[in-house]
Amino acid sequence: MKNDDNSRLVYSTESGRIDEPKAKIERPKGDGVVRIQRQTSGRKGKGVSLITGVDLDDAALDKLAAELKKKCGCGGAVKDGVIEIQGDKRDLLKQLLEAKNFKVKLAGG
C-alpha cells in the first residue's frame, strides 16, 4: 500500500469501518459585543434573526437559544455557534439579551 498524504486506511476486516477522529473546531473569541442581524438570503424570502458573538460553550448556547425561542414564540436553531431565530424579532431579542447583561448591537440594515 502506498504511504503518502492522499491515502489512508478506511476499512479493516478486524474492526470494520474506520472513521477519522473529528477535530474540535474552536470558535474565535468575540469582542464582547453580541450582534443581532436580519438575513433573508438563501431562505426563499423568509427572514431570520442571527445572533453572533455570544461567548458561551455549546451546552449553554443551546440552553440560551431554547429560552429565546420560547420567549419569542417561534422556532430556530444553533449552527456553528450562531443562534438563528425565525422571523424579524431583533428588538425583542435585544431586550431579552440586555436583561441577561449582554452588550448588544443591532447589525446590518
PDB file of N, CA and C in Angstrom:
ATOM      1  N   MET A   1       0.844  -1.190   0.000  1.00  0.00           N
ATOM      2  CA  MET A   1       0.000   0.000   0.000  1.00  0.00           C
ATOM      3  C   MET A   1       0.876   1.236   0.000  1.00  0.00           C
ATOM      4  N   LYS A   2       0.481   2.219  -0.780  1.00  0.00           N
ATOM      5  CA  LYS A   2       1.234   3.465  -0.834  1.00  0.00           C
ATOM      6  C   LYS A   2       1.139   4.177   0.506  1.00  0.00           C
ATOM      7  N   ASN A   3       2.152   4.882   0.825  1.00  0.00           N
ATOM      8  CA  ASN A   3       2.173   5.612   2.089  1.00  0.00           C
ATOM      9  C   ASN A   3       2.424   7.086   1.795  1.00  0.00           C
ATOM     10  N   ASP A   4       1.385   7.785   1.356  1.00  0.00           N
ATOM     11  CA  ASP A   4       1.525   9.220   1.108  1.00  0.00           C
ATOM     12  C   ASP A   4       0.364   9.959   1.775  1.00  0.00           C
ATOM     13  N   ASP A   5       0.302  11.239   1.567  1.00  0.00           N
ATOM     14  CA  ASP A   5      -0.707  12.056   2.232  1.00  0.00           C
ATOM     15  C   ASP A   5      -2.117  11.802   1.716  1.00  0.00           C
ATOM     16  N   ASN A   6      -2.250  11.250   0.513  1.00  0.00           N
ATOM     17  CA  ASN A   6      -3.560  11.097  -0.092  1.00  0.00           C
ATOM     18  C   ASN A   6      -4.187   9.727   0.167  1.00  0.00           C
ATOM     19  N   SER A   7      -3.487   8.836   0.843  1.00  0.00           N
ATOM     20  CA  SER A   7      -4.063   7.531   1.108  1.00  0.00           C
ATOM     21  C   SER A   7      -4.171   7.310   2.610  1.00  0.00           C
ATOM     22  N   ARG A   8      -5.238   6.596   3.003  1.00  0.00           N
ATOM     23  CA  ARG A   8      -5.434   6.299   4.411  1.00  0.00           C
ATOM     24  C   ARG A   8      -6.259   5.037   4.526  1.00  0.00           C
ATOM     25  N   LEU A   9      -6.225   4.423   5.680  1.00  0.00           N
ATOM     26  CA  LEU A   9      -6.973   3.212   5.939  1.00  0.00           C
ATOM     27  C   LEU A   9      -8.433   3.563   6.203  1.00  0.00           C
ATOM     28  N   VAL A  10      -9.368   2.948   5.459  1.00  0.00           N
ATOM     29  CA  VAL A  10     -10.789   3.241   5.640  1.00  0.00           C
ATOM     30  C   VAL A  10     -11.587   2.033   6.119  1.00  0.00           C
ATOM     31  N   TYR A  11     -11.019   0.812   5.969  1.00  0.00           N
ATOM     32  CA  TYR A  11     -11.739  -0.374   6.396  1.00  0.00           C
ATOM     33  C   TYR A  11     -10.733  -1.437   6.824  1.00  0.00           C
ATOM     34  N   SER A  12     -11.075  -2.134   7.875  1.00  0.00           N
ATOM     35  CA  SER A  12     -10.257  -3.238   8.349  1.00  0.00           C
ATOM     36  C   SER A  12     -11.171  -4.436   8.577  1.00  0.00           C
ATOM     37  N   THR A  13     -10.726  -5.633   8.153  1.00  0.00           N
ATOM     38  CA  THR A  13     -11.555  -6.817   8.356  1.00  0.00           C
ATOM     39  C   THR A  13     -11.682  -7.156   9.832  1.00  0.00           C
ATOM     40  N   GLU A  14     -10.756  -6.670  10.636  1.00  0.00           N
ATOM     41  CA  GLU A  14     -10.788  -6.953  12.058  1.00  0.00           C
ATOM     42  C   GLU A  14     -11.790  -6.066  12.799  1.00  0.00           C
ATOM     43  N   SER A  15     -11.801  -4.760  12.486  1.00  0.00           N
ATOM     44  CA  SER A  15     -12.649  -3.841  13.251  1.00  0.00           C
ATOM     45  C   SER A  15     -13.730  -3.159  12.430  1.00  0.00           C
ATOM     46  N   GLY A  16     -13.765  -3.357  11.129  1.00  0.00           N
ATOM     47  CA  GLY A  16     -14.797  -2.733  10.302  1.00  0.00           C
ATOM     48  C   GLY A  16     -14.377  -1.351   9.809  1.00  0.00           C
ATOM     49  N   ARG A  17     -15.367  -0.516   9.565  1.00  0.00           N
ATOM     50  CA  ARG A  17     -15.126   0.821   9.020  1.00  0.00           C
ATOM     51  C   ARG A  17     -14.352   1.668  10.022  1.00  0.00           C
ATOM     52  N   ILE A  18     -13.369   2.389   9.521  1.00  0.00           N
ATOM     53  CA  ILE A  18     -12.524   3.208  10.372  1.00  0.00           C
ATOM     54  C   ILE A  18     -12.826   4.677  10.090  1.00  0.00           C
ATOM     55  N   ASP A  19     -13.328   5.367  11.096  1.00  0.00           N
ATOM     56  CA  ASP A  19     -13.632   6.786  10.966  1.00  0.00           C
ATOM     57  C   ASP A  19     -12.482   7.599  11.533  1.00  0.00           C
ATOM     58  N   GLU A  20     -12.194   8.698  10.860  1.00  0.00           N
ATOM     59  CA  GLU A  20     -11.160   9.593  11.374  1.00  0.00           C
ATOM     60  C   GLU A  20     -11.717  10.362  12.559  1.00  0.00           C
ATOM     61  N   PRO A  21     -10.911  10.594  13.570  1.00  0.00           N
ATOM     62  CA  PRO A  21     -11.397  11.408  14.692  1.00  0.00           C
ATOM     63  C   PRO A  21     -11.653  12.831  14.216  1.00  0.00           C
ATOM     64  N   LYS A  22     -12.794  13.357  14.637  1.00  0.00           N
ATOM     65  CA  LYS A  22     -13.165  14.699  14.206  1.00  0.00           C
ATOM     66  C   LYS A  22     -12.478  15.723  15.086  1.00  0.00           C
ATOM     67  N   ALA A  23     -11.843  16.663  14.444  1.00  0.00           N
ATOM     68  CA  ALA A  23     -11.152  17.718  15.183  1.00  0.00           C
ATOM     69  C   ALA A  23     -12.180  18.700  15.733  1.00  0.00           C
ATOM     70  N   LYS A  24     -12.030  19.059  16.979  1.00  0.00           N
ATOM     71  CA  LYS A  24     -12.944  20.016  17.585  1.00  0.00           C
ATOM     72  C   LYS A  24     -12.623  21.402  17.040  1.00  0.00           C
ATOM     73  N   ILE A  25     -13.634  22.039  16.494  1.00  0.00           N
ATOM     74  CA  ILE A  25     -13.440  23.351  15.893  1.00  0.00           C
ATOM     75  C   ILE A  25     -13.569  24.414  16.972  1.00  0.00           C
ATOM     76  N   GLU A  26     -12.532  25.190  17.122  1.00  0.00           N
ATOM     77  CA  GLU A  26     -12.545  26.276  18.098  1.00  0.00           C
ATOM     78  C   GLU A  26     -13.154  27.511  17.446  1.00  0.00           C
ATOM     79  N   ARG A  27     -14.160  28.052  18.092  1.00  0.00           N
ATOM     80  CA  ARG A  27     -14.745  29.287  17.585  1.00  0.00           C
ATOM     81  C   ARG A  27     -13.878  30.449  18.025  1.00  0.00           C
ATOM     82  N   PRO A  28     -13.705  31.432  17.151  1.00  0.00           N
ATOM     83  CA  PRO A  28     -12.891  32.586  17.553  1.00  0.00           C
ATOM     84  C   PRO A  28     -13.592  33.376  18.643  1.00  0.00           C
ATOM     85  N   LYS A  29     -12.801  33.904  19.544  1.00  0.00           N
ATOM     86  CA  LYS A  29     -13.356  34.716  20.628  1.00  0.00           C
ATOM     87  C   LYS A  29     -13.826  36.042  20.063  1.00  0.00           C
ATOM     88  N   GLY A  30     -14.971  36.476  20.538  1.00  0.00           N
ATOM     89  CA  GLY A  30     -15.538  37.729  20.063  1.00  0.00           C
ATOM     90  C   GLY A  30     -14.961  38.924  20.804  1.00  0.00           C
ATOM     91  N   ASP A  31     -15.510  40.074  20.518  1.00  0.00           N
ATOM     92  CA  ASP A  31     -15.047  41.303  21.156  1.00  0.00           C
ATOM     93  C   ASP A  31     -15.938  41.698  22.326  1.00  0.00           C
ATOM     94  N   GLY A  32     -16.805  40.782  22.759  1.00  0.00           N
ATOM     95  CA  GLY A  32     -17.672  41.060  23.894  1.00  0.00           C
ATOM     96  C   GLY A  32     -18.990  41.695  23.513  1.00  0.00           C
ATOM     97  N   VAL A  33     -19.215  41.892  22.219  1.00  0.00           N
ATOM     98  CA  VAL A  33     -20.453  42.501  21.748  1.00  0.00           C
ATOM     99  C   VAL A  33     -21.266  41.436  21.014  1.00  0.00           C
ATOM    100  N   VAL A  34     -22.509  41.270  21.433  1.00  0.00           N
ATOM    101  CA  VAL A  34     -23.419  40.340  20.764  1.00  0.00           C
ATOM    102  C   VAL A  34     -24.111  41.111  19.653  1.00  0.00           C
ATOM    103  N   ARG A  35     -24.038  40.595  18.439  1.00  0.00           N
ATOM    104  CA  ARG A  35     -24.634  41.278  17.296  1.00  0.00           C
ATOM    105  C   ARG A  35     -25.858  40.511  16.808  1.00  0.00           C
ATOM    106  N   ILE A  36     -26.918  41.256  16.522  1.00  0.00           N
ATOM    107  CA  ILE A  36     -28.156  40.670  16.008  1.00  0.00           C
ATOM    108  C   ILE A  36     -28.390  41.254  14.623  1.00  0.00           C
ATOM    109  N   GLN A  37     -28.492  40.377  13.630  1.00  0.00           N
ATOM    110  CA  GLN A  37     -28.745  40.856  12.276  1.00  0.00           C
ATOM    111  C   GLN A  37     -29.878  40.073  11.652  1.00  0.00           C
ATOM    112  N   ARG A  38     -30.500  40.653  10.655  1.00  0.00           N
ATOM    113  CA  ARG A  38     -31.601  40.014   9.931  1.00  0.00           C
ATOM    114  C   ARG A  38     -31.051  39.515   8.617  1.00  0.00           C
ATOM    115  N   GLN A  39     -31.453  38.301   8.232  1.00  0.00           N
ATOM    116  CA  GLN A  39     -30.963  37.726   6.989  1.00  0.00           C
ATOM    117  C   GLN A  39     -32.103  37.022   6.263  1.00  0.00           C
ATOM    118  N   THR A  40     -32.152  37.205   4.941  1.00  0.00           N
ATOM    119  CA  THR A  40     -33.153  36.507   4.132  1.00  0.00           C
ATOM    120  C   THR A  40     -32.513  35.737   2.993  1.00  0.00           C
ATOM    121  N   SER A  41     -31.234  35.967   2.708  1.00  0.00           N
ATOM    122  CA  SER A  41     -30.608  35.347   1.542  1.00  0.00           C
ATOM    123  C   SER A  41     -30.530  33.837   1.698  1.00  0.00           C
ATOM    124  N   GLY A  42     -30.933  33.126   0.651  1.00  0.00           N
ATOM    125  CA  GLY A  42     -30.898  31.683   0.633  1.00  0.00           C
ATOM    126  C   GLY A  42     -32.014  31.036   1.424  1.00  0.00           C
ATOM    127  N   ARG A  43     -33.025  31.818   1.811  1.00  0.00           N
ATOM    128  CA  ARG A  43     -34.105  31.285   2.633  1.00  0.00           C
ATOM    129  C   ARG A  43     -35.472  31.516   1.989  1.00  0.00           C
ATOM    130  N   LYS A  44     -35.485  31.710   0.685  1.00  0.00           N
ATOM    131  CA  LYS A  44     -36.725  31.905  -0.084  1.00  0.00           C
ATOM    132  C   LYS A  44     -37.555  33.066   0.463  1.00  0.00           C
ATOM    133  N   GLY A  45     -36.898  34.138   0.855  1.00  0.00           N
ATOM    134  CA  GLY A  45     -37.595  35.333   1.314  1.00  0.00           C
ATOM    135  C   GLY A  45     -37.985  35.321   2.778  1.00  0.00           C
ATOM    136  N   LYS A  46     -37.823  34.193   3.436  1.00  0.00           N
ATOM    137  CA  LYS A  46     -38.167  34.119   4.859  1.00  0.00           C
ATOM    138  C   LYS A  46     -37.025  34.731   5.667  1.00  0.00           C
ATOM    139  N   GLY A  47     -37.365  35.615   6.566  1.00  0.00           N
ATOM    140  CA  GLY A  47     -36.342  36.284   7.356  1.00  0.00           C
ATOM    141  C   GLY A  47     -36.029  35.544   8.638  1.00  0.00           C
ATOM    142  N   VAL A  48     -34.759  35.587   9.037  1.00  0.00           N
ATOM    143  CA  VAL A  48     -34.344  35.058  10.327  1.00  0.00           C
ATOM    144  C   VAL A  48     -33.473  36.099  11.011  1.00  0.00           C
ATOM    145  N   SER A  49     -33.427  36.035  12.321  1.00  0.00           N
ATOM    146  CA  SER A  49     -32.539  36.893  13.101  1.00  0.00           C
ATOM    147  C   SER A  49     -31.347  36.052  13.531  1.00  0.00           C
ATOM    148  N   LEU A  50     -30.151  36.504  13.183  1.00  0.00           N
ATOM    149  CA  LEU A  50     -28.928  35.792  13.528  1.00  0.00           C
ATOM    150  C   LEU A  50     -28.266  36.476  14.716  1.00  0.00           C
ATOM    151  N   ILE A  51     -27.927  35.699  15.734  1.00  0.00           N
ATOM    152  CA  ILE A  51     -27.269  36.229  16.926  1.00  0.00           C
ATOM    153  C   ILE A  51     -25.860  35.670  16.944  1.00  0.00           C
ATOM    154  N   THR A  52     -24.871  36.547  16.813  1.00  0.00           N
ATOM    155  CA  THR A  52     -23.472  36.134  16.791  1.00  0.00           C
ATOM    156  C   THR A  52     -22.712  36.825  17.912  1.00  0.00           C
ATOM    157  N   GLY A  53     -21.553  36.258  18.240  1.00  0.00           N
ATOM    158  CA  GLY A  53     -20.677  36.878  19.229  1.00  0.00           C
ATOM    159  C   GLY A  53     -20.968  36.488  20.659  1.00  0.00           C
ATOM    160  N   VAL A  54     -21.775  35.457  20.886  1.00  0.00           N
ATOM    161  CA  VAL A  54     -22.066  35.012  22.250  1.00  0.00           C
ATOM    162  C   VAL A  54     -20.946  34.060  22.667  1.00  0.00           C
ATOM    163  N   ASP A  55     -20.186  34.442  23.680  1.00  0.00           N
ATOM    164  CA  ASP A  55     -19.056  33.630  24.135  1.00  0.00           C
ATOM    165  C   ASP A  55     -19.502  32.639  25.199  1.00  0.00           C
ATOM    166  N   LEU A  56     -20.199  31.590  24.768  1.00  0.00           N
ATOM    167  CA  LEU A  56     -20.645  30.524  25.660  1.00  0.00           C
ATOM    168  C   LEU A  56     -20.257  29.189  25.043  1.00  0.00           C
ATOM    169  N   ASP A  57     -20.169  28.149  25.879  1.00  0.00           N
ATOM    170  CA  ASP A  57     -19.912  26.823  25.333  1.00  0.00           C
ATOM    171  C   ASP A  57     -21.182  26.294  24.663  1.00  0.00           C
ATOM    172  N   ASP A  58     -21.071  25.160  23.995  1.00  0.00           N
ATOM    173  CA  ASP A  58     -22.179  24.638  23.187  1.00  0.00           C
ATOM    174  C   ASP A  58     -23.424  24.348  24.015  1.00  0.00           C
ATOM    175  N   ALA A  59     -23.261  23.776  25.200  1.00  0.00           N
ATOM    176  CA  ALA A  59     -24.420  23.438  26.033  1.00  0.00           C
ATOM    177  C   ALA A  59     -25.145  24.701  26.492  1.00  0.00           C
ATOM    178  N   ALA A  60     -24.392  25.695  26.932  1.00  0.00           N
ATOM    179  CA  ALA A  60     -25.003  26.949  27.382  1.00  0.00           C
ATOM    180  C   ALA A  60     -25.635  27.703  26.217  1.00  0.00           C
ATOM    181  N   LEU A  61     -25.032  27.592  25.028  1.00  0.00           N
ATOM    182  CA  LEU A  61     -25.580  28.242  23.843  1.00  0.00           C
ATOM    183  C   LEU A  61     -26.914  27.606  23.457  1.00  0.00           C
ATOM    184  N   ASP A  62     -27.002  26.279  23.538  1.00  0.00           N
ATOM    185  CA  ASP A  62     -28.265  25.585  23.256  1.00  0.00           C
ATOM    186  C   ASP A  62     -29.346  25.989  24.257  1.00  0.00           C
ATOM    187  N   LYS A  63     -28.960  26.107  25.512  1.00  0.00           N
ATOM    188  CA  LYS A  63     -29.914  26.488  26.554  1.00  0.00           C
ATOM    189  C   LYS A  63     -30.418  27.918  26.330  1.00  0.00           C
ATOM    190  N   LEU A  64     -29.503  28.829  25.989  1.00  0.00           N
ATOM    191  CA  LEU A  64     -29.890  30.214  25.709  1.00  0.00           C
ATOM    192  C   LEU A  64     -30.809  30.280  24.499  1.00  0.00           C
ATOM    193  N   ALA A  65     -30.493  29.520  23.456  1.00  0.00           N
ATOM    194  CA  ALA A  65     -31.323  29.507  22.245  1.00  0.00           C
ATOM    195  C   ALA A  65     -32.719  28.994  22.554  1.00  0.00           C
ATOM    196  N   ALA A  66     -32.814  27.945  23.363  1.00  0.00           N
ATOM    197  CA  ALA A  66     -34.122  27.394  23.722  1.00  0.00           C
ATOM    198  C   ALA A  66     -34.949  28.424  24.489  1.00  0.00           C
ATOM    199  N   GLU A  67     -34.308  29.150  25.388  1.00  0.00           N
ATOM    200  CA  GLU A  67     -35.023  30.164  26.154  1.00  0.00           C
ATOM    201  C   GLU A  67     -35.491  31.313  25.257  1.00  0.00           C
ATOM    202  N   LEU A  68     -34.633  31.746  24.326  1.00  0.00           N
ATOM    203  CA  LEU A  68     -35.011  32.829  23.420  1.00  0.00           C
ATOM    204  C   LEU A  68     -36.152  32.403  22.500  1.00  0.00           C
ATOM    205  N   LYS A  69     -36.098  31.167  22.004  1.00  0.00           N
ATOM    206  CA  LYS A  69     -37.167  30.675  21.132  1.00  0.00           C
ATOM    207  C   LYS A  69     -38.495  30.631  21.879  1.00  0.00           C
ATOM    208  N   LYS A  70     -38.448  30.214  23.131  1.00  0.00           N
ATOM    209  CA  LYS A  70     -39.673  30.121  23.928  1.00  0.00           C
ATOM    210  C   LYS A  70     -40.258  31.508  24.184  1.00  0.00           C
ATOM    211  N   LYS A  71     -39.394  32.476  24.524  1.00  0.00           N
ATOM    212  CA  LYS A  71     -39.892  33.830  24.812  1.00  0.00           C
ATOM    213  C   LYS A  71     -40.396  34.536  23.559  1.00  0.00           C
ATOM    214  N   CYS A  72     -39.793  34.213  22.399  1.00  0.00           N
ATOM    215  CA  CYS A  72     -40.231  34.830  21.147  1.00  0.00           C
ATOM    216  C   CYS A  72     -41.429  34.097  20.549  1.00  0.00           C
ATOM    217  N   GLY A  73     -41.663  32.880  20.971  1.00  0.00           N
ATOM    218  CA  GLY A  73     -42.778  32.115  20.428  1.00  0.00           C
ATOM    219  C   GLY A  73     -42.555  31.678  19.001  1.00  0.00           C
ATOM    220  N   CYS A  74     -41.319  31.299  18.682  1.00  0.00           N
ATOM    221  CA  CYS A  74     -41.022  30.874  17.315  1.00  0.00           C
ATOM    222  C   CYS A  74     -39.924  29.827  17.341  1.00  0.00           C
ATOM    223  N   GLY A  75     -39.595  29.316  16.179  1.00  0.00           N
ATOM    224  CA  GLY A  75     -38.572  28.285  16.065  1.00  0.00           C
ATOM    225  C   GLY A  75     -37.203  28.880  15.831  1.00  0.00           C
ATOM    226  N   GLY A  76     -36.239  28.008  15.708  1.00  0.00           N
ATOM    227  CA  GLY A  76     -34.882  28.446  15.459  1.00  0.00           C
ATOM    228  C   GLY A  76     -33.918  27.290  15.576  1.00  0.00           C
ATOM    229  N   ALA A  77     -32.627  27.610  15.505  1.00  0.00           N
ATOM    230  CA  ALA A  77     -31.596  26.582  15.560  1.00  0.00           C
ATOM    231  C   ALA A  77     -30.285  27.210  16.004  1.00  0.00           C
ATOM    232  N   VAL A  78     -29.332  26.349  16.356  1.00  0.00           N
ATOM    233  CA  VAL A  78     -27.965  26.781  16.641  1.00  0.00           C
ATOM    234  C   VAL A  78     -27.067  26.098  15.629  1.00  0.00           C
ATOM    235  N   LYS A  79     -26.356  26.879  14.828  1.00  0.00           N
ATOM    236  CA  LYS A  79     -25.471  26.328  13.808  1.00  0.00           C
ATOM    237  C   LYS A  79     -24.117  27.026  13.896  1.00  0.00           C
ATOM    238  N   ASP A  80     -23.080  26.257  14.168  1.00  0.00           N
ATOM    239  CA  ASP A  80     -21.701  26.756  14.219  1.00  0.00           C
ATOM    240  C   ASP A  80     -21.538  27.947  15.156  1.00  0.00           C
ATOM    241  N   GLY A  81     -22.185  27.900  16.302  1.00  0.00           N
ATOM    242  CA  GLY A  81     -22.037  28.971  17.280  1.00  0.00           C
ATOM    243  C   GLY A  81     -22.890  30.194  17.008  1.00  0.00           C
ATOM    244  N   VAL A  82     -23.779  30.109  16.012  1.00  0.00           N
ATOM    245  CA  VAL A  82     -24.675  31.221  15.673  1.00  0.00           C
ATOM    246  C   VAL A  82     -26.098  30.776  15.976  1.00  0.00           C
ATOM    247  N   ILE A  83     -26.825  31.599  16.732  1.00  0.00           N
ATOM    248  CA  ILE A  83     -28.214  31.290  17.045  1.00  0.00           C
ATOM    249  C   ILE A  83     -29.094  31.894  15.963  1.00  0.00           C
ATOM    250  N   GLU A  84     -29.946  31.069  15.360  1.00  0.00           N
ATOM    251  CA  GLU A  84     -30.892  31.541  14.343  1.00  0.00           C
ATOM    252  C   GLU A  84     -32.286  31.492  14.949  1.00  0.00           C
ATOM    253  N   ILE A  85     -32.982  32.618  14.920  1.00  0.00           N
ATOM    254  CA  ILE A  85     -34.355  32.706  15.398  1.00  0.00           C
ATOM    255  C   ILE A  85     -35.223  33.083  14.202  1.00  0.00           C
ATOM    256  N   GLN A  86     -36.290  32.336  13.976  1.00  0.00           N
ATOM    257  CA  GLN A  86     -37.145  32.592  12.816  1.00  0.00           C
ATOM    258  C   GLN A  86     -37.903  33.901  12.986  1.00  0.00           C
ATOM    259  N   GLY A  87     -37.966  34.662  11.906  1.00  0.00           N
ATOM    260  CA  GLY A  87     -38.692  35.922  11.909  1.00  0.00           C
ATOM    261  C   GLY A  87     -37.794  37.093  12.290  1.00  0.00           C
ATOM    262  N   ASP A  88     -38.320  38.292  12.083  1.00  0.00           N
ATOM    263  CA  ASP A  88     -37.579  39.515  12.418  1.00  0.00           C
ATOM    264  C   ASP A  88     -37.953  39.920  13.843  1.00  0.00           C
ATOM    265  N   LYS A  89     -37.241  39.414  14.810  1.00  0.00           N
ATOM    266  CA  LYS A  89     -37.519  39.665  16.225  1.00  0.00           C
ATOM    267  C   LYS A  89     -36.354  40.405  16.878  1.00  0.00           C
ATOM    268  N   ARG A  90     -35.658  41.241  16.110  1.00  0.00           N
ATOM    269  CA  ARG A  90     -34.434  41.865  16.619  1.00  0.00           C
ATOM    270  C   ARG A  90     -34.666  42.710  17.860  1.00  0.00           C
ATOM    271  N   ASP A  91     -35.731  43.497  17.892  1.00  0.00           N
ATOM    272  CA  ASP A  91     -35.965  44.380  19.033  1.00  0.00           C
ATOM    273  C   ASP A  91     -36.257  43.580  20.302  1.00  0.00           C
ATOM    274  N   LEU A  92     -37.074  42.553  20.188  1.00  0.00           N
ATOM    275  CA  LEU A  92     -37.379  41.704  21.342  1.00  0.00           C
ATOM    276  C   LEU A  92     -36.134  40.961  21.812  1.00  0.00           C
ATOM    277  N   LEU A  93     -35.346  40.436  20.861  1.00  0.00           N
ATOM    278  CA  LEU A  93     -34.124  39.725  21.213  1.00  0.00           C
ATOM    279  C   LEU A  93     -33.131  40.653  21.909  1.00  0.00           C
ATOM    280  N   LYS A  94     -33.064  41.892  21.446  1.00  0.00           N
ATOM    281  CA  LYS A  94     -32.160  42.854  22.081  1.00  0.00           C
ATOM    282  C   LYS A  94     -32.561  43.080  23.536  1.00  0.00           C
ATOM    283  N   GLN A  95     -33.838  43.253  23.787  1.00  0.00           N
ATOM    284  CA  GLN A  95     -34.313  43.447  25.163  1.00  0.00           C
ATOM    285  C   GLN A  95     -34.011  42.227  26.035  1.00  0.00           C
ATOM    286  N   LEU A  96     -34.262  41.042  25.511  1.00  0.00           N
ATOM    287  CA  LEU A  96     -34.040  39.821  26.283  1.00  0.00           C
ATOM    288  C   LEU A  96     -32.560  39.615  26.607  1.00  0.00           C
ATOM    289  N   LEU A  97     -31.689  39.875  25.629  1.00  0.00           N
ATOM    290  CA  LEU A  97     -30.261  39.683  25.854  1.00  0.00           C
ATOM    291  C   LEU A  97     -29.676  40.764  26.769  1.00  0.00           C
ATOM    292  N   GLU A  98     -30.172  41.990  26.661  1.00  0.00           N
ATOM    293  CA  GLU A  98     -29.698  43.047  27.562  1.00  0.00           C
ATOM    294  C   GLU A  98     -30.128  42.762  28.998  1.00  0.00           C
ATOM    295  N   ALA A  99     -31.283  42.117  29.179  1.00  0.00           N
ATOM    296  CA  ALA A  99     -31.723  41.732  30.519  1.00  0.00           C
ATOM    297  C   ALA A  99     -30.798  40.677  31.113  1.00  0.00           C
ATOM    298  N   LYS A 100     -30.079  39.923  30.251  1.00  0.00           N
ATOM    299  CA  LYS A 100     -29.117  38.926  30.707  1.00  0.00           C
ATOM    300  C   LYS A 100     -27.699  39.497  30.773  1.00  0.00           C
ATOM    301  N   ASN A 101     -27.581  40.820  30.754  1.00  0.00           N
ATOM    302  CA  ASN A 101     -26.304  41.538  30.888  1.00  0.00           C
ATOM    303  C   ASN A 101     -25.337  41.298  29.735  1.00  0.00           C
ATOM    304  N   PHE A 102     -25.864  41.137  28.527  1.00  0.00           N
ATOM    305  CA  PHE A 102     -25.029  41.104  27.336  1.00  0.00           C
ATOM    306  C   PHE A 102     -25.000  42.500  26.740  1.00  0.00           C
ATOM    307  N   LYS A 103     -23.863  42.876  26.149  1.00  0.00           N
ATOM    308  CA  LYS A 103     -23.778  44.134  25.404  1.00  0.00           C
ATOM    309  C   LYS A 103     -24.222  43.819  23.981  1.00  0.00           C
ATOM    310  N   VAL A 104     -25.304  44.454  23.522  1.00  0.00           N
ATOM    311  CA  VAL A 104     -25.962  44.059  22.267  1.00  0.00           C
ATOM    312  C   VAL A 104     -25.939  45.205  21.274  1.00  0.00           C
ATOM    313  N   LYS A 105     -25.687  44.862  20.004  1.00  0.00           N
ATOM    314  CA  LYS A 105     -25.757  45.821  18.893  1.00  0.00           C
ATOM    315  C   LYS A 105     -26.644  45.225  17.805  1.00  0.00           C
ATOM    316  N   LEU A 106     -27.461  46.058  17.180  1.00  0.00           N
ATOM    317  CA  LEU A 106     -28.211  45.643  16.000  1.00  0.00           C
ATOM    318  C   LEU A 106     -27.302  45.865  14.790  1.00  0.00           C
ATOM    319  N   ALA A 107     -26.991  44.823  14.083  1.00  0.00           N
ATOM    320  CA  ALA A 107     -26.056  44.900  12.966  1.00  0.00           C
ATOM    321  C   ALA A 107     -26.816  44.797  11.657  1.00  0.00           C
ATOM    322  N   GLY A 108     -26.234  45.326  10.615  1.00  0.00           N
ATOM    323  CA  GLY A 108     -26.835  45.244   9.293  1.00  0.00           C
ATOM    324  C   GLY A 108     -27.968  46.228   9.116  1.00  0.00           C
ATOM    325  N   GLY A 109     -28.616  46.154   7.949  1.00  0.00           N
ATOM    326  CA  GLY A 109     -29.687  47.087   7.633  1.00  0.00           C
ATOM    327  C   GLY A 109     -30.966  46.547   7.992  1.00  0.00           C
TER     328      GLY A 109
END
